[in-house]
Amino acid sequence: MTGYREGSALVMVMLFTFVITLLGTAIMGVAINEYRMEAAHRNSVKAYYLAEAGLEKAVYEISQMKAIVPGFLKQMQWKMVKEDLGLVEPGVRGDYLVTVEDVELIDVILAGEGENSEVYKSVYEIKLKSMAVYKEAPAGIEAHILVEDYEETGMDNRVEVCRWRQIRGIGDEN
């Protein structure tokens, strides 16, 4: 009779060891998957901020233009340059590209009168699109801005951001 008890203890220990190993393996798989998801999310957030930096650069440069010429502006692009490399860690792949999607003249307004001349301002709505990649994680932003272009006055353009939205579902179109 005692031989059966000794054998059952071995079976119980083996069964208990199997259950513990199975649980440990499952928890390890979940932990690895969570780590990968967190890293992908972190990279997509960094890509979003990279796209935002590109948009801010484009908005600033539009505000500094002497005159808004729609045909010329539609061909403009802003890419990441050597001076922007501080936006990403050394050795990490990160890049942005800002394009002008649309330029629409909204209105021409008499802004005032100077010496022997009238000062006009043209109001444009410009749609910008910024796409960025950080460690293979894509992100995008679309912005609609209003630009008041003061003609022949030497004044900087007044820029107002009307809408700013994140572009979802990038990289899903295969």
N, C-alpha and C. Protein backbone atom coordinates (compact mmCIF):
# COMPACT_ATOMS: atom_id res chain seq x y z
N MET A 1 0.80 -1.20 0.00
CA MET A 1 0.00 0.00 0.00
C MET A 1 0.84 1.26 0.00
N THR A 2 1.94 1.23 0.67
CA THR A 2 2.75 2.45 0.76
C THR A 2 3.40 2.78 -0.57
N GLY A 3 3.61 1.85 -1.44
CA GLY A 3 4.22 2.10 -2.75
C GLY A 3 3.35 2.98 -3.63
N TYR A 4 2.03 2.85 -3.48
CA TYR A 4 1.13 3.68 -4.28
C TYR A 4 1.19 5.14 -3.86
N ARG A 5 1.35 5.40 -2.59
CA ARG A 5 1.42 6.79 -2.11
C ARG A 5 2.69 7.47 -2.60
N GLU A 6 3.79 6.77 -2.59
CA GLU A 6 5.04 7.36 -3.04
C GLU A 6 4.96 7.71 -4.53
N GLY A 7 4.35 6.91 -5.30
CA GLY A 7 4.19 7.18 -6.74
C GLY A 7 3.24 8.34 -6.99
N SER A 8 2.19 8.45 -6.18
CA SER A 8 1.24 9.55 -6.38
C SER A 8 1.87 10.89 -6.01
N ALA A 9 2.78 10.93 -5.07
CA ALA A 9 3.46 12.18 -4.71
C ALA A 9 4.31 12.66 -5.89
N LEU A 10 4.97 11.74 -6.56
CA LEU A 10 5.77 12.10 -7.73
C LEU A 10 4.88 12.66 -8.84
N VAL A 11 3.74 12.03 -9.07
CA VAL A 11 2.80 12.50 -10.09
C VAL A 11 2.28 13.89 -9.73
N MET A 12 1.96 14.13 -8.46
CA MET A 12 1.47 15.44 -8.02
C MET A 12 2.54 16.52 -8.21
N VAL A 13 3.78 16.21 -7.88
CA VAL A 13 4.88 17.17 -8.04
C VAL A 13 5.08 17.47 -9.52
N MET A 14 5.04 16.46 -10.37
CA MET A 14 5.21 16.67 -11.81
C MET A 14 4.05 17.50 -12.37
N LEU A 15 2.82 17.22 -11.95
CA LEU A 15 1.65 17.97 -12.40
C LEU A 15 1.75 19.43 -11.94
N PHE A 16 2.12 19.64 -10.69
CA PHE A 16 2.27 20.99 -10.16
C PHE A 16 3.38 21.75 -10.92
N THR A 17 4.49 21.09 -11.20
CA THR A 17 5.59 21.70 -11.95
C THR A 17 5.14 22.06 -13.37
N PHE A 18 4.37 21.18 -14.00
CA PHE A 18 3.85 21.45 -15.34
C PHE A 18 2.94 22.67 -15.35
N VAL A 19 2.03 22.78 -14.37
CA VAL A 19 1.11 23.92 -14.29
C VAL A 19 1.88 25.22 -14.07
N ILE A 20 2.85 25.21 -13.18
CA ILE A 20 3.67 26.41 -12.91
C ILE A 20 4.45 26.81 -14.17
N THR A 21 5.02 25.85 -14.87
CA THR A 21 5.76 26.13 -16.11
C THR A 21 4.83 26.70 -17.18
N LEU A 22 3.65 26.14 -17.30
CA LEU A 22 2.68 26.62 -18.28
C LEU A 22 2.26 28.05 -17.97
N LEU A 23 1.97 28.36 -16.72
CA LEU A 23 1.60 29.72 -16.33
C LEU A 23 2.76 30.70 -16.55
N GLY A 24 3.95 30.29 -16.21
CA GLY A 24 5.13 31.15 -16.41
C GLY A 24 5.35 31.46 -17.88
N THR A 25 5.19 30.46 -18.73
CA THR A 25 5.36 30.67 -20.17
C THR A 25 4.28 31.61 -20.71
N ALA A 26 3.05 31.44 -20.27
CA ALA A 26 1.96 32.31 -20.72
C ALA A 26 2.19 33.75 -20.28
N ILE A 27 2.59 33.94 -19.03
CA ILE A 27 2.84 35.29 -18.52
C ILE A 27 4.02 35.92 -19.26
N MET A 28 5.04 35.14 -19.54
CA MET A 28 6.20 35.66 -20.27
C MET A 28 5.79 36.10 -21.67
N GLY A 29 4.95 35.34 -22.34
CA GLY A 29 4.48 35.72 -23.68
C GLY A 29 3.68 37.01 -23.65
N VAL A 30 2.81 37.15 -22.66
CA VAL A 30 2.02 38.38 -22.52
C VAL A 30 2.94 39.57 -22.24
N ALA A 31 3.92 39.38 -21.37
CA ALA A 31 4.85 40.47 -21.03
C ALA A 31 5.65 40.91 -22.25
N ILE A 32 6.11 39.98 -23.04
CA ILE A 32 6.88 40.32 -24.25
C ILE A 32 5.99 41.07 -25.24
N ASN A 33 4.75 40.62 -25.41
CA ASN A 33 3.82 41.29 -26.31
C ASN A 33 3.51 42.71 -25.83
N GLU A 34 3.31 42.90 -24.54
CA GLU A 34 3.06 44.23 -23.98
C GLU A 34 4.25 45.15 -24.21
N TYR A 35 5.45 44.64 -24.05
CA TYR A 35 6.65 45.44 -24.27
C TYR A 35 6.73 45.89 -25.73
N ARG A 36 6.43 45.00 -26.65
CA ARG A 36 6.47 45.36 -28.08
C ARG A 36 5.41 46.40 -28.42
N MET A 37 4.21 46.25 -27.86
CA MET A 37 3.15 47.22 -28.11
C MET A 37 3.51 48.59 -27.54
N GLU A 38 4.11 48.61 -26.36
CA GLU A 38 4.51 49.88 -25.74
C GLU A 38 5.59 50.56 -26.57
N ALA A 39 6.53 49.80 -27.08
CA ALA A 39 7.60 50.37 -27.90
C ALA A 39 7.03 50.94 -29.21
N ALA A 40 6.08 50.23 -29.82
CA ALA A 40 5.47 50.71 -31.05
C ALA A 40 4.68 52.00 -30.79
N HIS A 41 3.97 52.06 -29.68
CA HIS A 41 3.22 53.27 -29.33
C HIS A 41 4.17 54.44 -29.07
N ARG A 42 5.23 54.18 -28.34
CA ARG A 42 6.22 55.22 -28.04
C ARG A 42 6.81 55.78 -29.35
N ASN A 43 7.13 54.90 -30.29
CA ASN A 43 7.69 55.35 -31.57
C ASN A 43 6.68 56.14 -32.39
N SER A 44 5.40 55.74 -32.34
CA SER A 44 4.39 56.49 -33.10
C SER A 44 4.16 57.88 -32.49
N VAL A 45 4.26 58.00 -31.17
CA VAL A 45 4.15 59.32 -30.53
C VAL A 45 5.33 60.20 -30.94
N LYS A 46 6.52 59.63 -30.96
CA LYS A 46 7.70 60.40 -31.40
C LYS A 46 7.57 60.80 -32.86
N ALA A 47 7.00 59.93 -33.69
CA ALA A 47 6.79 60.27 -35.10
C ALA A 47 5.78 61.42 -35.22
N TYR A 48 4.74 61.41 -34.37
CA TYR A 48 3.76 62.49 -34.38
C TYR A 48 4.44 63.83 -34.06
N TYR A 49 5.28 63.84 -33.03
CA TYR A 49 5.96 65.08 -32.66
C TYR A 49 6.95 65.52 -33.75
N LEU A 50 7.52 64.58 -34.45
CA LEU A 50 8.39 64.91 -35.57
C LEU A 50 7.58 65.56 -36.70
N ALA A 51 6.40 65.01 -36.98
CA ALA A 51 5.51 65.61 -37.99
C ALA A 51 5.08 67.01 -37.56
N GLU A 52 4.82 67.17 -36.28
CA GLU A 52 4.43 68.48 -35.76
C GLU A 52 5.56 69.50 -35.90
N ALA A 53 6.79 69.08 -35.65
CA ALA A 53 7.94 69.97 -35.82
C ALA A 53 8.07 70.41 -37.28
N GLY A 54 7.84 69.49 -38.21
CA GLY A 54 7.89 69.85 -39.62
C GLY A 54 6.82 70.85 -40.00
N LEU A 55 5.61 70.66 -39.45
CA LEU A 55 4.52 71.60 -39.73
C LEU A 55 4.83 72.98 -39.17
N GLU A 56 5.37 73.02 -37.97
CA GLU A 56 5.71 74.32 -37.37
C GLU A 56 6.78 75.04 -38.19
N LYS A 57 7.72 74.29 -38.72
CA LYS A 57 8.75 74.89 -39.58
C LYS A 57 8.11 75.47 -40.84
N ALA A 58 7.19 74.71 -41.46
CA ALA A 58 6.52 75.18 -42.67
C ALA A 58 5.69 76.44 -42.39
N VAL A 59 4.96 76.45 -41.28
CA VAL A 59 4.14 77.61 -40.93
C VAL A 59 5.03 78.83 -40.71
N TYR A 60 6.14 78.64 -40.03
CA TYR A 60 7.06 79.76 -39.80
C TYR A 60 7.60 80.30 -41.12
N GLU A 61 8.03 79.41 -42.01
CA GLU A 61 8.59 79.87 -43.28
C GLU A 61 7.54 80.54 -44.16
N ILE A 62 6.29 80.09 -44.09
CA ILE A 62 5.22 80.76 -44.83
C ILE A 62 5.00 82.16 -44.27
N SER A 63 5.09 82.29 -42.95
CA SER A 63 4.91 83.61 -42.35
C SER A 63 6.02 84.58 -42.74
N GLN A 64 7.18 84.08 -43.11
CA GLN A 64 8.31 84.93 -43.47
C GLN A 64 8.39 85.23 -44.97
N MET A 65 7.51 84.65 -45.77
CA MET A 65 7.55 84.88 -47.22
C MET A 65 7.18 86.33 -47.55
N LYS A 66 7.83 86.87 -48.56
CA LYS A 66 7.54 88.25 -48.99
C LYS A 66 6.16 88.34 -49.64
N ALA A 67 5.80 87.34 -50.42
CA ALA A 67 4.50 87.33 -51.09
C ALA A 67 4.07 85.88 -51.27
N ILE A 68 2.78 85.65 -51.14
CA ILE A 68 2.22 84.31 -51.36
C ILE A 68 1.86 84.20 -52.84
N VAL A 69 2.50 83.28 -53.52
CA VAL A 69 2.21 83.00 -54.92
C VAL A 69 1.69 81.56 -54.96
N PRO A 70 0.36 81.37 -55.15
CA PRO A 70 -0.22 80.03 -55.03
C PRO A 70 0.46 78.97 -55.89
N GLY A 71 0.77 79.26 -57.14
CA GLY A 71 1.41 78.27 -58.01
C GLY A 71 2.77 77.84 -57.49
N PHE A 72 3.53 78.79 -56.97
CA PHE A 72 4.85 78.48 -56.41
C PHE A 72 4.71 77.74 -55.09
N LEU A 73 3.77 78.18 -54.26
CA LEU A 73 3.60 77.58 -52.93
C LEU A 73 3.16 76.12 -53.02
N LYS A 74 2.33 75.79 -54.01
CA LYS A 74 1.85 74.40 -54.16
C LYS A 74 2.99 73.43 -54.45
N GLN A 75 4.10 73.94 -54.99
CA GLN A 75 5.24 73.07 -55.31
C GLN A 75 6.23 72.97 -54.16
N MET A 76 6.02 73.72 -53.10
CA MET A 76 6.99 73.74 -52.00
C MET A 76 6.87 72.50 -51.13
N GLN A 77 8.00 72.08 -50.60
CA GLN A 77 8.08 70.97 -49.65
C GLN A 77 9.11 71.35 -48.59
N TRP A 78 8.88 70.87 -47.40
CA TRP A 78 9.85 71.05 -46.34
C TRP A 78 10.26 69.67 -45.87
N LYS A 79 11.56 69.40 -45.95
CA LYS A 79 12.10 68.11 -45.54
C LYS A 79 13.00 68.32 -44.34
N MET A 80 13.26 67.23 -43.65
CA MET A 80 14.18 67.30 -42.52
C MET A 80 15.58 67.54 -43.05
N VAL A 81 16.26 68.53 -42.49
CA VAL A 81 17.62 68.87 -42.92
C VAL A 81 18.59 68.63 -41.78
N LYS A 82 19.86 68.85 -42.07
CA LYS A 82 20.91 68.56 -41.09
C LYS A 82 20.70 69.31 -39.77
N GLU A 83 20.18 70.53 -39.84
CA GLU A 83 19.96 71.32 -38.63
C GLU A 83 18.87 70.71 -37.74
N ASP A 84 18.01 69.88 -38.32
CA ASP A 84 16.91 69.26 -37.57
C ASP A 84 17.30 67.94 -36.92
N LEU A 85 18.52 67.50 -37.09
CA LEU A 85 18.91 66.18 -36.59
C LEU A 85 18.83 66.07 -35.07
N GLY A 86 18.79 67.19 -34.36
CA GLY A 86 18.62 67.15 -32.92
C GLY A 86 17.23 66.70 -32.49
N LEU A 87 16.31 66.57 -33.44
CA LEU A 87 14.96 66.11 -33.12
C LEU A 87 14.90 64.61 -32.86
N VAL A 88 15.90 63.87 -33.30
CA VAL A 88 15.94 62.42 -33.08
C VAL A 88 17.26 62.04 -32.44
N GLU A 89 17.28 60.91 -31.76
CA GLU A 89 18.50 60.43 -31.13
C GLU A 89 19.51 60.03 -32.21
N PRO A 90 20.80 60.15 -31.92
CA PRO A 90 21.82 59.74 -32.90
C PRO A 90 21.67 58.27 -33.29
N GLY A 91 21.76 58.01 -34.57
CA GLY A 91 21.68 56.64 -35.07
C GLY A 91 20.27 56.12 -35.27
N VAL A 92 19.25 56.94 -35.00
CA VAL A 92 17.86 56.52 -35.14
C VAL A 92 17.30 57.09 -36.44
N ARG A 93 16.55 56.28 -37.16
CA ARG A 93 15.94 56.74 -38.41
C ARG A 93 14.69 57.55 -38.09
N GLY A 94 14.71 58.81 -38.47
CA GLY A 94 13.56 59.68 -38.29
C GLY A 94 13.56 60.73 -39.38
N ASP A 95 12.39 61.04 -39.92
CA ASP A 95 12.31 61.97 -41.03
C ASP A 95 10.90 62.54 -41.12
N TYR A 96 10.78 63.76 -41.67
CA TYR A 96 9.46 64.32 -41.95
C TYR A 96 9.46 64.96 -43.32
N LEU A 97 8.27 65.09 -43.88
CA LEU A 97 8.07 65.76 -45.17
C LEU A 97 6.75 66.51 -45.09
N VAL A 98 6.79 67.81 -45.33
CA VAL A 98 5.59 68.64 -45.30
C VAL A 98 5.32 69.09 -46.73
N THR A 99 4.09 68.90 -47.18
CA THR A 99 3.69 69.32 -48.52
C THR A 99 2.49 70.25 -48.44
N VAL A 100 2.33 71.07 -49.47
CA VAL A 100 1.18 71.96 -49.58
C VAL A 100 0.15 71.24 -50.43
N GLU A 101 -0.98 70.95 -49.84
CA GLU A 101 -2.03 70.22 -50.56
C GLU A 101 -2.92 71.16 -51.38
N ASP A 102 -3.20 72.36 -50.84
CA ASP A 102 -4.10 73.27 -51.53
C ASP A 102 -3.84 74.70 -51.06
N VAL A 103 -3.98 75.66 -51.98
CA VAL A 103 -3.90 77.08 -51.66
C VAL A 103 -5.12 77.74 -52.30
N GLU A 104 -5.92 78.40 -51.47
CA GLU A 104 -7.14 79.03 -51.97
C GLU A 104 -7.18 80.49 -51.52
N LEU A 105 -7.37 81.39 -52.48
CA LEU A 105 -7.53 82.81 -52.17
C LEU A 105 -8.94 83.01 -51.63
N ILE A 106 -9.04 83.47 -50.39
CA ILE A 106 -10.35 83.67 -49.76
C ILE A 106 -10.87 85.08 -50.02
N ASP A 107 -9.99 86.08 -49.87
CA ASP A 107 -10.45 87.47 -49.98
C ASP A 107 -9.27 88.40 -50.20
N VAL A 108 -9.55 89.56 -50.79
CA VAL A 108 -8.59 90.66 -50.89
C VAL A 108 -9.24 91.85 -50.20
N ILE A 109 -8.54 92.40 -49.20
CA ILE A 109 -9.14 93.42 -48.34
C ILE A 109 -8.26 94.67 -48.36
N LEU A 110 -8.90 95.82 -48.37
CA LEU A 110 -8.17 97.07 -48.22
C LEU A 110 -7.81 97.20 -46.74
N ALA A 111 -6.53 97.12 -46.44
CA ALA A 111 -6.08 97.11 -45.05
C ALA A 111 -5.79 98.51 -44.53
N GLY A 112 -5.57 99.46 -45.40
CA GLY A 112 -5.27 100.82 -44.97
C GLY A 112 -4.72 101.62 -46.12
N GLU A 113 -4.38 102.85 -45.82
CA GLU A 113 -3.83 103.73 -46.84
C GLU A 113 -2.52 104.29 -46.34
N GLY A 114 -1.54 104.27 -47.21
CA GLY A 114 -0.24 104.86 -46.90
C GLY A 114 -0.05 106.13 -47.70
N GLU A 115 1.18 106.56 -47.81
CA GLU A 115 1.47 107.75 -48.60
C GLU A 115 1.28 107.44 -50.08
N ASN A 116 0.31 108.05 -50.68
CA ASN A 116 0.00 107.92 -52.10
C ASN A 116 -0.29 106.48 -52.53
N SER A 117 -0.68 105.63 -51.61
CA SER A 117 -1.00 104.24 -52.01
C SER A 117 -1.98 103.63 -51.02
N GLU A 118 -2.64 102.62 -51.49
CA GLU A 118 -3.54 101.84 -50.64
C GLU A 118 -2.87 100.52 -50.32
N VAL A 119 -3.05 100.06 -49.10
CA VAL A 119 -2.43 98.81 -48.67
C VAL A 119 -3.50 97.72 -48.69
N TYR A 120 -3.24 96.69 -49.47
CA TYR A 120 -4.16 95.57 -49.56
C TYR A 120 -3.56 94.35 -48.87
N LYS A 121 -4.43 93.53 -48.36
CA LYS A 121 -3.97 92.23 -47.86
C LYS A 121 -4.82 91.15 -48.52
N SER A 122 -4.14 90.09 -48.90
CA SER A 122 -4.82 88.93 -49.48
C SER A 122 -4.90 87.87 -48.40
N VAL A 123 -6.05 87.24 -48.29
CA VAL A 123 -6.24 86.20 -47.29
C VAL A 123 -6.33 84.86 -48.02
N TYR A 124 -5.42 83.95 -47.65
CA TYR A 124 -5.36 82.63 -48.26
C TYR A 124 -5.66 81.56 -47.22
N GLU A 125 -6.33 80.51 -47.66
CA GLU A 125 -6.44 79.30 -46.84
C GLU A 125 -5.50 78.27 -47.47
N ILE A 126 -4.59 77.77 -46.65
CA ILE A 126 -3.58 76.82 -47.13
C ILE A 126 -3.73 75.53 -46.36
N LYS A 127 -3.76 74.42 -47.09
CA LYS A 127 -3.85 73.10 -46.46
C LYS A 127 -2.46 72.45 -46.54
N LEU A 128 -1.91 72.13 -45.37
CA LEU A 128 -0.59 71.50 -45.29
C LEU A 128 -0.75 70.07 -44.79
N LYS A 129 0.14 69.21 -45.26
CA LYS A 129 0.14 67.81 -44.82
C LYS A 129 1.57 67.45 -44.43
N SER A 130 1.73 66.96 -43.21
CA SER A 130 3.05 66.58 -42.72
C SER A 130 3.05 65.09 -42.41
N MET A 131 3.98 64.37 -43.02
CA MET A 131 4.13 62.94 -42.78
C MET A 131 5.51 62.71 -42.16
N ALA A 132 5.56 61.85 -41.16
CA ALA A 132 6.82 61.59 -40.48
C ALA A 132 6.96 60.10 -40.19
N VAL A 133 8.21 59.67 -40.05
CA VAL A 133 8.52 58.28 -39.70
C VAL A 133 9.58 58.32 -38.61
N TYR A 134 9.38 57.51 -37.58
CA TYR A 134 10.38 57.37 -36.53
C TYR A 134 10.51 55.87 -36.23
N LYS A 135 11.67 55.31 -36.51
CA LYS A 135 11.91 53.87 -36.31
C LYS A 135 10.80 53.03 -36.93
N GLU A 136 10.48 53.28 -38.16
CA GLU A 136 9.46 52.55 -38.93
C GLU A 136 8.02 52.85 -38.49
N ALA A 137 7.80 53.68 -37.48
CA ALA A 137 6.45 54.03 -37.04
C ALA A 137 6.03 55.32 -37.75
N PRO A 138 4.94 55.27 -38.54
CA PRO A 138 4.52 56.47 -39.26
C PRO A 138 3.54 57.33 -38.45
N ALA A 139 3.47 58.60 -38.81
CA ALA A 139 2.48 59.52 -38.23
C ALA A 139 2.24 60.63 -39.25
N GLY A 140 1.08 61.25 -39.15
CA GLY A 140 0.77 62.33 -40.06
C GLY A 140 -0.14 63.36 -39.43
N ILE A 141 -0.01 64.59 -39.89
CA ILE A 141 -0.84 65.69 -39.41
C ILE A 141 -1.29 66.49 -40.63
N GLU A 142 -2.53 66.94 -40.58
CA GLU A 142 -3.06 67.81 -41.61
C GLU A 142 -3.46 69.12 -40.93
N ALA A 143 -3.08 70.24 -41.52
CA ALA A 143 -3.40 71.54 -40.93
C ALA A 143 -3.97 72.46 -42.00
N HIS A 144 -4.95 73.24 -41.60
CA HIS A 144 -5.51 74.30 -42.44
C HIS A 144 -5.12 75.61 -41.77
N ILE A 145 -4.45 76.47 -42.52
CA ILE A 145 -4.02 77.75 -41.95
C ILE A 145 -4.56 78.90 -42.80
N LEU A 146 -4.83 80.01 -42.14
CA LEU A 146 -5.19 81.25 -42.82
C LEU A 146 -3.97 82.15 -42.82
N VAL A 147 -3.64 82.70 -43.97
CA VAL A 147 -2.48 83.58 -44.10
C VAL A 147 -2.95 84.92 -44.64
N GLU A 148 -2.61 85.98 -43.92
CA GLU A 148 -2.87 87.34 -44.39
C GLU A 148 -1.57 87.86 -44.99
N ASP A 149 -1.56 88.03 -46.30
CA ASP A 149 -0.38 88.48 -47.04
C ASP A 149 -0.52 89.97 -47.31
N TYR A 150 0.28 90.78 -46.61
CA TYR A 150 0.25 92.23 -46.82
C TYR A 150 1.15 92.57 -48.00
N GLU A 151 0.54 93.00 -49.08
CA GLU A 151 1.26 93.24 -50.32
C GLU A 151 2.10 94.50 -50.25
N GLU A 152 3.34 94.39 -50.65
CA GLU A 152 4.26 95.51 -50.83
C GLU A 152 4.41 96.40 -49.61
N THR A 153 4.36 95.84 -48.42
CA THR A 153 4.53 96.66 -47.21
C THR A 153 5.77 96.26 -46.43
N GLY A 154 6.32 95.11 -46.71
CA GLY A 154 7.46 94.63 -45.95
C GLY A 154 7.06 94.01 -44.62
N MET A 155 5.77 93.93 -44.35
CA MET A 155 5.30 93.31 -43.10
C MET A 155 5.31 91.80 -43.24
N ASP A 156 5.57 91.12 -42.13
CA ASP A 156 5.48 89.65 -42.13
C ASP A 156 4.03 89.24 -42.31
N ASN A 157 3.85 88.09 -42.92
CA ASN A 157 2.51 87.55 -43.08
C ASN A 157 1.97 87.16 -41.71
N ARG A 158 0.68 87.34 -41.53
CA ARG A 158 0.03 86.91 -40.30
C ARG A 158 -0.55 85.53 -40.58
N VAL A 159 -0.18 84.56 -39.74
CA VAL A 159 -0.61 83.17 -39.95
C VAL A 159 -1.43 82.73 -38.75
N GLU A 160 -2.57 82.12 -39.05
CA GLU A 160 -3.44 81.59 -37.99
C GLU A 160 -3.78 80.15 -38.34
N VAL A 161 -3.54 79.25 -37.41
CA VAL A 161 -3.88 77.84 -37.63
C VAL A 161 -5.35 77.66 -37.30
N CYS A 162 -6.13 77.23 -38.29
CA CYS A 162 -7.58 77.04 -38.10
C CYS A 162 -7.90 75.64 -37.59
N ARG A 163 -7.38 74.64 -38.29
CA ARG A 163 -7.64 73.24 -37.92
C ARG A 163 -6.33 72.48 -37.96
N TRP A 164 -6.22 71.53 -37.07
CA TRP A 164 -5.00 70.74 -36.94
C TRP A 164 -5.47 69.37 -36.50
N ARG A 165 -5.26 68.35 -37.30
CA ARG A 165 -5.75 67.02 -36.91
C ARG A 165 -4.73 65.95 -37.28
N GLN A 166 -4.75 64.91 -36.47
CA GLN A 166 -3.87 63.78 -36.73
C GLN A 166 -4.49 62.91 -37.81
N ILE A 167 -3.66 62.43 -38.71
CA ILE A 167 -4.13 61.53 -39.76
C ILE A 167 -4.02 60.11 -39.23
N ARG A 168 -5.12 59.40 -39.21
CA ARG A 168 -5.16 58.04 -38.67
C ARG A 168 -5.04 57.02 -39.79
N GLY A 169 -4.60 55.81 -39.43
CA GLY A 169 -4.58 54.69 -40.37
C GLY A 169 -3.47 54.75 -41.39
N ILE A 170 -2.35 55.37 -41.03
CA ILE A 170 -1.22 55.45 -41.96
C ILE A 170 -0.53 54.10 -42.00
N GLY A 171 -0.18 53.67 -43.19
CA GLY A 171 0.53 52.41 -43.34
C GLY A 171 -0.39 51.20 -43.45
N ASP A 172 -1.70 51.41 -43.36
CA ASP A 172 -2.64 50.30 -43.46
C ASP A 172 -2.99 49.96 -44.90
N GLU A 173 -2.73 50.87 -45.82
CA GLU A 173 -3.13 50.65 -47.21
C GLU A 173 -2.10 49.82 -47.94
N ASN A 174 -2.28 48.52 -47.93
CA ASN A 174 -1.39 47.59 -48.64
C ASN A 174 -2.16 46.83 -49.68
